[in-house]
Amino acid sequence: MTERMIKMAVKLFVSDIDGTILVSGKKISARNISAIKKMADAGIIVTIATGRMYRAALPIAQELGVDVPIITYNGALIKSTDGKIIHAQSIPAALVIELTNFFEARGWYLQNYSGDNLFYPVRNEYTELYETAQKISGVETGWDGLREKTADVYKLLSISANAEETAARMAAVKAEFGARIDVTKSHPQFTEISCPGVSKASAIKILAQKFGVDRAEVMAIGDSDNDLPMLKAAGISVAMGNGTDEVKRACTYVTANCEDDGFAAAVEKYVLQ
């Protein structure tokens, strides 16, 4: 496929946030914002896809200056910037309680996002790390209080000390709950749990069907393992230079690092005329 054919084909452009359009601790660069606005002006549907909760992703979408659908909680909730729910798939209440008991019994930290609010049993260094990075505040409930938060839970998240501990934790959760859940990670320290079948890929398929876009007309860009399903689902995929080796192997192209505006470079090269 020639570069010009790629440019002509893209109708739906899906981007991860952290490590893709946003460097941790910084604002989105003017070049990245400009690239997104140019795509929107060209009639391309632009959406962002993230593991973040909706209220943590909304300020990012607003900063971009375009009215985009937001894929949040790794695909469990798709919601417009004006609050319209396009798709929602929450974890059953009884399963939320089972998972909470499982983590408490092992002394593992766990976060709950009931009703798009952040709850945790005890405030600690992991809480502070997460709240600072996401620019949100949560509520300490204790484990009994956490078990009461079962409504509209789109994702549960555990934070561990390092990548090795995360891998062990993910394996233990999979072994215990099997096909009743999906487990992924968007960060070396994050174990993220959602309903079976929930992913950024499933969200892309929902939006593509909604807007009448073929798979070949979808381009996705990302950097982390939780981006892999959507990158494989898209007709054209781009890995960030700072992406994991597995992400790079899975993609059609590799662009520059997030810190070097690799997102904008990819848009300029493969999408814009």
C-alpha atoms as a PDB file:
ATOM      1  CA  MET A   1       0.000   0.000   0.000  1.00  0.00           C
ATOM      2  CA  THR A   2       1.448   3.361  -0.980  1.00  0.00           C
ATOM      3  CA  GLU A   3       1.600   6.301   1.413  1.00  0.00           C
ATOM      4  CA  ARG A   4      -0.982   8.212  -0.648  1.00  0.00           C
ATOM      5  CA  MET A   5      -3.402   5.269  -0.552  1.00  0.00           C
ATOM      6  CA  ILE A   6      -3.067   5.182   3.238  1.00  0.00           C
ATOM      7  CA  LYS A   7      -3.873   8.883   3.489  1.00  0.00           C
ATOM      8  CA  MET A   8      -6.953   8.530   1.328  1.00  0.00           C
ATOM      9  CA  ALA A   9      -8.234   5.522   3.291  1.00  0.00           C
ATOM     10  CA  VAL A  10      -8.382   6.825   6.877  1.00  0.00           C
ATOM     11  CA  LYS A  11     -11.879   7.742   8.070  1.00  0.00           C
ATOM     12  CA  LEU A  12     -11.625   6.834  11.760  1.00  0.00           C
ATOM     13  CA  PHE A  13      -8.483   7.660  13.729  1.00  0.00           C
ATOM     14  CA  VAL A  14      -8.106   6.200  17.231  1.00  0.00           C
ATOM     15  CA  SER A  15      -5.384   7.310  19.614  1.00  0.00           C
ATOM     16  CA  ASP A  16      -4.226   6.223  23.033  1.00  0.00           C
ATOM     17  CA  ILE A  17      -3.535   9.079  25.496  1.00  0.00           C
ATOM     18  CA  ASP A  18      -0.698   8.403  27.940  1.00  0.00           C
ATOM     19  CA  GLY A  19       2.633   7.856  26.232  1.00  0.00           C
ATOM     20  CA  THR A  20       1.066   8.602  22.839  1.00  0.00           C
ATOM     21  CA  ILE A  21      -0.326  12.137  22.696  1.00  0.00           C
ATOM     22  CA  LEU A  22       0.521  13.024  26.292  1.00  0.00           C
ATOM     23  CA  VAL A  23       3.873  12.937  28.068  1.00  0.00           C
ATOM     24  CA  SER A  24       3.398  12.218  31.776  1.00  0.00           C
ATOM     25  CA  GLY A  25       3.301  15.392  33.841  1.00  0.00           C
ATOM     26  CA  LYS A  26       3.020  17.683  30.826  1.00  0.00           C
ATOM     27  CA  LYS A  27       0.336  19.239  28.654  1.00  0.00           C
ATOM     28  CA  ILE A  28      -0.452  18.037  25.151  1.00  0.00           C
ATOM     29  CA  SER A  29       1.915  19.718  22.709  1.00  0.00           C
ATOM     30  CA  ALA A  30       0.654  22.368  20.304  1.00  0.00           C
ATOM     31  CA  ARG A  31       1.851  20.230  17.400  1.00  0.00           C
ATOM     32  CA  ASN A  32      -0.206  17.226  18.522  1.00  0.00           C
ATOM     33  CA  ILE A  33      -3.303  19.384  19.057  1.00  0.00           C
ATOM     34  CA  SER A  34      -2.844  20.921  15.624  1.00  0.00           C
ATOM     35  CA  ALA A  35      -2.585  17.492  14.007  1.00  0.00           C
ATOM     36  CA  ILE A  36      -5.862  16.382  15.602  1.00  0.00           C
ATOM     37  CA  LYS A  37      -7.677  19.563  14.563  1.00  0.00           C
ATOM     38  CA  LYS A  38      -6.450  19.173  10.997  1.00  0.00           C
ATOM     39  CA  MET A  39      -7.812  15.639  10.867  1.00  0.00           C
ATOM     40  CA  ALA A  40     -11.171  16.814  12.214  1.00  0.00           C
ATOM     41  CA  ASP A  41     -11.244  19.648   9.676  1.00  0.00           C
ATOM     42  CA  ALA A  42     -10.608  17.077   6.932  1.00  0.00           C
ATOM     43  CA  GLY A  43     -13.721  15.159   7.998  1.00  0.00           C
ATOM     44  CA  ILE A  44     -11.888  12.325   9.762  1.00  0.00           C
ATOM     45  CA  ILE A  45     -13.577  11.009  12.905  1.00  0.00           C
ATOM     46  CA  VAL A  46     -11.037  11.297  15.710  1.00  0.00           C
ATOM     47  CA  THR A  47     -11.425   9.463  19.005  1.00  0.00           C
ATOM     48  CA  ILE A  48      -9.221   8.864  22.012  1.00  0.00           C
ATOM     49  CA  ALA A  49      -9.021   5.479  23.722  1.00  0.00           C
ATOM     50  CA  THR A  50      -7.682   5.068  27.236  1.00  0.00           C
ATOM     51  CA  GLY A  51      -7.686   2.967  30.355  1.00  0.00           C
ATOM     52  CA  ARG A  52      -8.495   6.144  32.281  1.00  0.00           C
ATOM     53  CA  MET A  53     -11.844   6.790  33.889  1.00  0.00           C
ATOM     54  CA  TYR A  54     -14.155   9.097  31.948  1.00  0.00           C
ATOM     55  CA  ARG A  55     -13.776  12.125  34.205  1.00  0.00           C
ATOM     56  CA  ALA A  56      -9.986  11.830  34.004  1.00  0.00           C
ATOM     57  CA  ALA A  57     -10.078  11.576  30.206  1.00  0.00           C
ATOM     58  CA  LEU A  58     -12.614  14.360  29.620  1.00  0.00           C
ATOM     59  CA  PRO A  59     -10.196  17.262  30.321  1.00  0.00           C
ATOM     60  CA  ILE A  60      -7.809  15.756  27.760  1.00  0.00           C
ATOM     61  CA  ALA A  61     -10.559  15.599  25.138  1.00  0.00           C
ATOM     62  CA  GLN A  62     -11.547  19.174  25.912  1.00  0.00           C
ATOM     63  CA  GLU A  63      -7.932  20.284  25.633  1.00  0.00           C
ATOM     64  CA  LEU A  64      -7.825  18.869  22.105  1.00  0.00           C
ATOM     65  CA  GLY A  65     -10.543  21.336  21.109  1.00  0.00           C
ATOM     66  CA  VAL A  66     -12.617  18.891  19.047  1.00  0.00           C
ATOM     67  CA  ASP A  67     -15.855  17.062  19.844  1.00  0.00           C
ATOM     68  CA  VAL A  68     -14.630  13.462  20.000  1.00  0.00           C
ATOM     69  CA  PRO A  69     -16.198  10.275  21.377  1.00  0.00           C
ATOM     70  CA  ILE A  70     -14.090   9.038  24.289  1.00  0.00           C
ATOM     71  CA  ILE A  71     -13.261   5.351  24.745  1.00  0.00           C
ATOM     72  CA  THR A  72     -12.571   4.954  28.480  1.00  0.00           C
ATOM     73  CA  TYR A  73     -11.882   2.130  30.947  1.00  0.00           C
ATOM     74  CA  ASN A  74     -10.134   0.252  28.096  1.00  0.00           C
ATOM     75  CA  GLY A  75     -13.376   0.136  26.109  1.00  0.00           C
ATOM     76  CA  ALA A  76     -15.943  -0.572  28.830  1.00  0.00           C
ATOM     77  CA  LEU A  77     -17.455   2.921  28.529  1.00  0.00           C
ATOM     78  CA  ILE A  78     -17.739   5.036  25.384  1.00  0.00           C
ATOM     79  CA  LYS A  79     -19.119   8.483  26.060  1.00  0.00           C
ATOM     80  CA  SER A  80     -19.251  11.764  24.158  1.00  0.00           C
ATOM     81  CA  THR A  81     -17.726  14.949  25.508  1.00  0.00           C
ATOM     82  CA  ASP A  82     -21.233  16.241  26.229  1.00  0.00           C
ATOM     83  CA  GLY A  83     -22.008  13.193  28.392  1.00  0.00           C
ATOM     84  CA  LYS A  84     -24.002  10.987  26.003  1.00  0.00           C
ATOM     85  CA  ILE A  85     -23.354   7.268  26.635  1.00  0.00           C
ATOM     86  CA  ILE A  86     -22.644   5.394  23.401  1.00  0.00           C
ATOM     87  CA  HIS A  87     -21.757   2.051  25.018  1.00  0.00           C
ATOM     88  CA  ALA A  88     -21.385   0.779  28.595  1.00  0.00           C
ATOM     89  CA  GLN A  89     -20.450  -2.617  30.032  1.00  0.00           C
ATOM     90  CA  SER A  90     -19.949  -2.810  33.799  1.00  0.00           C
ATOM     91  CA  ILE A  91     -18.734  -5.691  35.968  1.00  0.00           C
ATOM     92  CA  PRO A  92     -21.624  -7.542  37.707  1.00  0.00           C
ATOM     93  CA  ALA A  93     -22.059  -6.484  41.348  1.00  0.00           C
ATOM     94  CA  ALA A  94     -21.518  -9.983  42.772  1.00  0.00           C
ATOM     95  CA  LEU A  95     -18.272 -10.339  40.821  1.00  0.00           C
ATOM     96  CA  VAL A  96     -17.047  -6.943  42.055  1.00  0.00           C
ATOM     97  CA  ILE A  97     -17.457  -8.233  45.624  1.00  0.00           C
ATOM     98  CA  GLU A  98     -15.663 -11.515  44.816  1.00  0.00           C
ATOM     99  CA  LEU A  99     -12.744  -9.654  43.298  1.00  0.00           C
ATOM    100  CA  THR A 100     -12.571  -7.251  46.225  1.00  0.00           C
ATOM    101  CA  ASN A 101     -12.453 -10.188  48.659  1.00  0.00           C
ATOM    102  CA  PHE A 102      -9.729 -11.834  46.564  1.00  0.00           C
ATOM    103  CA  PHE A 103      -7.495  -8.761  46.718  1.00  0.00           C
ATOM    104  CA  GLU A 104      -8.139  -8.063  50.387  1.00  0.00           C
ATOM    105  CA  ALA A 105      -7.251 -11.640  51.357  1.00  0.00           C
ATOM    106  CA  ARG A 106      -3.829 -11.230  49.711  1.00  0.00           C
ATOM    107  CA  GLY A 107      -3.161  -7.720  50.998  1.00  0.00           C
ATOM    108  CA  TRP A 108      -3.062  -6.320  47.464  1.00  0.00           C
ATOM    109  CA  TYR A 109      -4.017  -2.726  46.776  1.00  0.00           C
ATOM    110  CA  LEU A 110      -7.223  -2.269  44.756  1.00  0.00           C
ATOM    111  CA  GLN A 111      -9.103   0.685  43.249  1.00  0.00           C
ATOM    112  CA  ASN A 112     -12.794   0.792  42.355  1.00  0.00           C
ATOM    113  CA  TYR A 113     -14.401   3.268  39.907  1.00  0.00           C
ATOM    114  CA  SER A 114     -18.096   2.939  40.790  1.00  0.00           C
ATOM    115  CA  GLY A 115     -20.168   5.646  39.118  1.00  0.00           C
ATOM    116  CA  ASP A 116     -17.019   7.151  37.542  1.00  0.00           C
ATOM    117  CA  ASN A 117     -15.665   7.983  40.988  1.00  0.00           C
ATOM    118  CA  LEU A 118     -12.425   6.717  42.505  1.00  0.00           C
ATOM    119  CA  PHE A 119     -12.554   4.631  45.696  1.00  0.00           C
ATOM    120  CA  TYR A 120      -9.823   2.744  47.569  1.00  0.00           C
ATOM    121  CA  PRO A 121      -9.666   0.901  50.911  1.00  0.00           C
ATOM    122  CA  VAL A 122      -6.630   2.720  52.313  1.00  0.00           C
ATOM    123  CA  ARG A 123      -4.755   5.768  51.123  1.00  0.00           C
ATOM    124  CA  ASN A 124      -1.082   5.021  50.499  1.00  0.00           C
ATOM    125  CA  GLU A 125       1.806   5.821  48.156  1.00  0.00           C
ATOM    126  CA  TYR A 126       0.028   4.091  45.265  1.00  0.00           C
ATOM    127  CA  THR A 127      -3.037   6.264  45.765  1.00  0.00           C
ATOM    128  CA  GLU A 128      -0.958   9.425  45.767  1.00  0.00           C
ATOM    129  CA  LEU A 129       0.929   8.311  42.655  1.00  0.00           C
ATOM    130  CA  TYR A 130      -2.304   7.630  40.785  1.00  0.00           C
ATOM    131  CA  GLU A 131      -4.157  10.768  41.880  1.00  0.00           C
ATOM    132  CA  THR A 132      -1.215  12.981  40.957  1.00  0.00           C
ATOM    133  CA  ALA A 133      -0.803  11.421  37.519  1.00  0.00           C
ATOM    134  CA  GLN A 134      -4.534  11.456  36.714  1.00  0.00           C
ATOM    135  CA  LYS A 135      -5.220  14.830  38.362  1.00  0.00           C
ATOM    136  CA  ILE A 136      -8.219  13.490  40.291  1.00  0.00           C
ATOM    137  CA  SER A 137      -9.072  12.815  43.926  1.00  0.00           C
ATOM    138  CA  GLY A 138     -10.584   9.638  45.357  1.00  0.00           C
ATOM    139  CA  VAL A 139     -12.289   8.562  48.569  1.00  0.00           C
ATOM    140  CA  GLU A 140     -10.911   6.211  51.238  1.00  0.00           C
ATOM    141  CA  THR A 141     -13.622   3.693  52.179  1.00  0.00           C
ATOM    142  CA  GLY A 142     -11.981   0.767  53.971  1.00  0.00           C
ATOM    143  CA  TRP A 143     -12.480  -2.745  52.571  1.00  0.00           C
ATOM    144  CA  ASP A 144     -16.055  -3.031  53.848  1.00  0.00           C
ATOM    145  CA  GLY A 145     -16.910   0.291  52.231  1.00  0.00           C
ATOM    146  CA  LEU A 146     -15.255  -0.804  48.993  1.00  0.00           C
ATOM    147  CA  ARG A 147     -17.510  -3.870  48.881  1.00  0.00           C
ATOM    148  CA  GLU A 148     -20.521  -1.547  48.890  1.00  0.00           C
ATOM    149  CA  LYS A 149     -19.360   0.176  45.686  1.00  0.00           C
ATOM    150  CA  THR A 150     -20.827  -2.232  43.140  1.00  0.00           C
ATOM    151  CA  ALA A 151     -22.904   0.007  40.820  1.00  0.00           C
ATOM    152  CA  ASP A 152     -21.521   0.936  37.384  1.00  0.00           C
ATOM    153  CA  VAL A 153     -18.048  -0.463  37.981  1.00  0.00           C
ATOM    154  CA  TYR A 154     -16.416  -0.497  34.542  1.00  0.00           C
ATOM    155  CA  LYS A 155     -12.960  -1.474  35.763  1.00  0.00           C
ATOM    156  CA  LEU A 156     -10.986  -2.459  38.857  1.00  0.00           C
ATOM    157  CA  LEU A 157      -7.303  -1.582  39.089  1.00  0.00           C
ATOM    158  CA  SER A 158      -4.502  -2.847  41.303  1.00  0.00           C
ATOM    159  CA  ILE A 159      -1.145  -1.096  41.614  1.00  0.00           C
ATOM    160  CA  SER A 160       1.963  -3.118  42.448  1.00  0.00           C
ATOM    161  CA  ALA A 161       5.561  -2.258  43.231  1.00  0.00           C
ATOM    162  CA  ASN A 162       7.101  -3.391  39.929  1.00  0.00           C
ATOM    163  CA  ALA A 163       6.538  -5.187  36.630  1.00  0.00           C
ATOM    164  CA  GLU A 164       7.413  -8.614  38.046  1.00  0.00           C
ATOM    165  CA  GLU A 165       4.838  -8.266  40.805  1.00  0.00           C
ATOM    166  CA  THR A 166       2.261  -7.092  38.270  1.00  0.00           C
ATOM    167  CA  ALA A 167       2.857 -10.156  36.089  1.00  0.00           C
ATOM    168  CA  ALA A 168       2.421 -12.469  39.074  1.00  0.00           C
ATOM    169  CA  ARG A 169      -0.718 -10.659  40.158  1.00  0.00           C
ATOM    170  CA  MET A 170      -2.246 -10.815  36.676  1.00  0.00           C
ATOM    171  CA  ALA A 171      -1.520 -14.539  36.489  1.00  0.00           C
ATOM    172  CA  ALA A 172      -3.134 -15.163  39.895  1.00  0.00           C
ATOM    173  CA  VAL A 173      -6.275 -13.240  38.953  1.00  0.00           C
ATOM    174  CA  LYS A 174      -6.579 -15.101  35.636  1.00  0.00           C
ATOM    175  CA  ALA A 175      -6.094 -18.454  37.366  1.00  0.00           C
ATOM    176  CA  GLU A 176      -8.803 -17.695  39.937  1.00  0.00           C
ATOM    177  CA  PHE A 177     -11.464 -16.061  37.750  1.00  0.00           C
ATOM    178  CA  GLY A 178     -10.708 -17.455  34.290  1.00  0.00           C
ATOM    179  CA  ALA A 179     -13.101 -16.471  31.515  1.00  0.00           C
ATOM    180  CA  ARG A 180     -15.286 -14.452  33.888  1.00  0.00           C
ATOM    181  CA  ILE A 181     -12.982 -11.445  33.491  1.00  0.00           C
ATOM    182  CA  ASP A 182     -10.405  -9.861  31.204  1.00  0.00           C
ATOM    183  CA  VAL A 183      -7.060  -8.733  32.648  1.00  0.00           C
ATOM    184  CA  THR A 184      -4.628  -6.315  31.017  1.00  0.00           C
ATOM    185  CA  LYS A 185      -2.089  -3.622  31.884  1.00  0.00           C
ATOM    186  CA  SER A 186      -1.545  -0.086  30.611  1.00  0.00           C
ATOM    187  CA  HIS A 187       1.476   0.516  32.845  1.00  0.00           C
ATOM    188  CA  PRO A 188       4.140  -1.826  34.286  1.00  0.00           C
ATOM    189  CA  GLN A 189       2.567  -1.417  37.758  1.00  0.00           C
ATOM    190  CA  PHE A 190      -1.136  -1.624  36.780  1.00  0.00           C
ATOM    191  CA  THR A 191      -3.291  -4.769  36.792  1.00  0.00           C
ATOM    192  CA  GLU A 192      -6.614  -3.812  35.170  1.00  0.00           C
ATOM    193  CA  ILE A 193      -9.736  -5.964  35.357  1.00  0.00           C
ATOM    194  CA  SER A 194     -12.891  -5.656  33.243  1.00  0.00           C
ATOM    195  CA  CYS A 195     -15.699  -7.751  31.743  1.00  0.00           C
ATOM    196  CA  PRO A 196     -14.833 -10.467  29.197  1.00  0.00           C
ATOM    197  CA  GLY A 197     -14.545  -9.099  25.681  1.00  0.00           C
ATOM    198  CA  VAL A 198     -13.964  -5.527  26.808  1.00  0.00           C
ATOM    199  CA  SER A 199     -11.043  -3.915  25.036  1.00  0.00           C
ATOM    200  CA  LYS A 200     -10.142  -0.897  22.969  1.00  0.00           C
ATOM    201  CA  ALA A 201     -10.613  -3.184  19.946  1.00  0.00           C
ATOM    202  CA  SER A 202     -14.224  -3.962  20.835  1.00  0.00           C
ATOM    203  CA  ALA A 203     -14.820  -0.237  21.272  1.00  0.00           C
ATOM    204  CA  ILE A 204     -13.359   0.491  17.842  1.00  0.00           C
ATOM    205  CA  LYS A 205     -15.702  -2.054  16.263  1.00  0.00           C
ATOM    206  CA  ILE A 206     -18.688  -0.404  17.978  1.00  0.00           C
ATOM    207  CA  LEU A 207     -17.713   3.054  16.715  1.00  0.00           C
ATOM    208  CA  ALA A 208     -16.857   1.816  13.229  1.00  0.00           C
ATOM    209  CA  GLN A 209     -20.277   0.229  12.946  1.00  0.00           C
ATOM    210  CA  LYS A 210     -21.958   3.346  14.325  1.00  0.00           C
ATOM    211  CA  PHE A 211     -20.251   5.593  11.757  1.00  0.00           C
ATOM    212  CA  GLY A 212     -20.298   3.139   8.833  1.00  0.00           C
ATOM    213  CA  VAL A 213     -16.523   2.794   8.608  1.00  0.00           C
ATOM    214  CA  ASP A 214     -14.758  -0.326   7.313  1.00  0.00           C
ATOM    215  CA  ARG A 215     -11.845  -1.859   9.214  1.00  0.00           C
ATOM    216  CA  ALA A 216      -9.469  -0.895   6.392  1.00  0.00           C
ATOM    217  CA  GLU A 217     -10.402   2.751   6.969  1.00  0.00           C
ATOM    218  CA  VAL A 218      -9.412   2.704  10.651  1.00  0.00           C
ATOM    219  CA  MET A 219      -5.988   3.839  11.878  1.00  0.00           C
ATOM    220  CA  ALA A 220      -4.909   3.349  15.501  1.00  0.00           C
ATOM    221  CA  ILE A 221      -1.831   4.515  17.394  1.00  0.00           C
ATOM    222  CA  GLY A 222      -0.543   3.520  20.821  1.00  0.00           C
ATOM    223  CA  ASP A 223       2.354   2.408  22.989  1.00  0.00           C
ATOM    224  CA  SER A 224       1.253  -0.062  25.682  1.00  0.00           C
ATOM    225  CA  ASP A 225       0.132  -3.667  25.931  1.00  0.00           C
ATOM    226  CA  ASN A 226      -3.492  -2.662  26.532  1.00  0.00           C
ATOM    227  CA  ASP A 227      -3.348  -0.951  23.120  1.00  0.00           C
ATOM    228  CA  LEU A 228      -2.519  -4.224  21.332  1.00  0.00           C
ATOM    229  CA  PRO A 229      -6.139  -5.318  20.714  1.00  0.00           C
ATOM    230  CA  MET A 230      -7.069  -2.012  19.059  1.00  0.00           C
ATOM    231  CA  LEU A 231      -3.833  -1.868  17.058  1.00  0.00           C
ATOM    232  CA  LYS A 232      -4.505  -5.371  15.717  1.00  0.00           C
ATOM    233  CA  ALA A 233      -8.161  -4.509  15.033  1.00  0.00           C
ATOM    234  CA  ALA A 234      -7.327  -1.413  12.974  1.00  0.00           C
ATOM    235  CA  GLY A 235      -6.626  -1.601   9.266  1.00  0.00           C
ATOM    236  CA  ILE A 236      -3.493   0.506   9.754  1.00  0.00           C
ATOM    237  CA  SER A 237      -1.553   0.670  13.015  1.00  0.00           C
ATOM    238  CA  VAL A 238       1.247   2.858  14.321  1.00  0.00           C
ATOM    239  CA  ALA A 239       3.471   2.162  17.338  1.00  0.00           C
ATOM    240  CA  MET A 240       5.060   4.963  19.297  1.00  0.00           C
ATOM    241  CA  GLY A 241       8.852   4.920  19.420  1.00  0.00           C
ATOM    242  CA  ASN A 242       8.554   4.572  23.199  1.00  0.00           C
ATOM    243  CA  GLY A 243       6.154   1.649  22.818  1.00  0.00           C
ATOM    244  CA  THR A 244       6.780  -1.883  24.049  1.00  0.00           C
ATOM    245  CA  ASP A 245       8.566  -4.334  21.776  1.00  0.00           C
ATOM    246  CA  GLU A 246       5.370  -6.358  21.367  1.00  0.00           C
ATOM    247  CA  VAL A 247       3.457  -3.257  20.267  1.00  0.00           C
ATOM    248  CA  LYS A 248       6.136  -2.405  17.712  1.00  0.00           C
ATOM    249  CA  ARG A 249       6.093  -5.929  16.306  1.00  0.00           C
ATOM    250  CA  ALA A 250       2.309  -5.805  15.906  1.00  0.00           C
ATOM    251  CA  CYS A 251       2.106  -2.500  14.030  1.00  0.00           C
ATOM    252  CA  THR A 252       2.288  -1.458  10.401  1.00  0.00           C
ATOM    253  CA  TYR A 253       4.574   1.470  11.230  1.00  0.00           C
ATOM    254  CA  VAL A 254       6.681   2.841  14.075  1.00  0.00           C
ATOM    255  CA  THR A 255       6.878   6.596  14.672  1.00  0.00           C
ATOM    256  CA  ALA A 256       9.038   8.765  16.941  1.00  0.00           C
ATOM    257  CA  ASN A 257       8.800   8.935  20.746  1.00  0.00           C
ATOM    258  CA  CYS A 258       5.962  10.700  22.550  1.00  0.00           C
ATOM    259  CA  GLU A 259       8.376  13.352  23.842  1.00  0.00           C
ATOM    260  CA  ASP A 260       9.358  14.106  20.244  1.00  0.00           C
ATOM    261  CA  ASP A 261       5.748  14.497  19.011  1.00  0.00           C
ATOM    262  CA  GLY A 262       5.768  11.097  17.349  1.00  0.00           C
ATOM    263  CA  PHE A 263       1.974  11.229  17.280  1.00  0.00           C
ATOM    264  CA  ALA A 264       1.919  14.382  15.143  1.00  0.00           C
ATOM    265  CA  ALA A 265       4.703  13.020  12.936  1.00  0.00           C
ATOM    266  CA  ALA A 266       2.610   9.916  12.208  1.00  0.00           C
ATOM    267  CA  VAL A 267      -0.521  11.970  11.432  1.00  0.00           C
ATOM    268  CA  GLU A 268       1.423  14.264   9.134  1.00  0.00           C
ATOM    269  CA  LYS A 269       3.070  11.378   7.283  1.00  0.00           C
ATOM    270  CA  TYR A 270       0.263   8.830   7.032  1.00  0.00           C
ATOM    271  CA  VAL A 271      -2.989  10.802   7.218  1.00  0.00           C
ATOM    272  CA  LEU A 272      -2.753  14.432   6.148  1.00  0.00           C
ATOM    273  CA  GLN A 273      -2.330  15.385   2.492  1.00  0.00           C
END
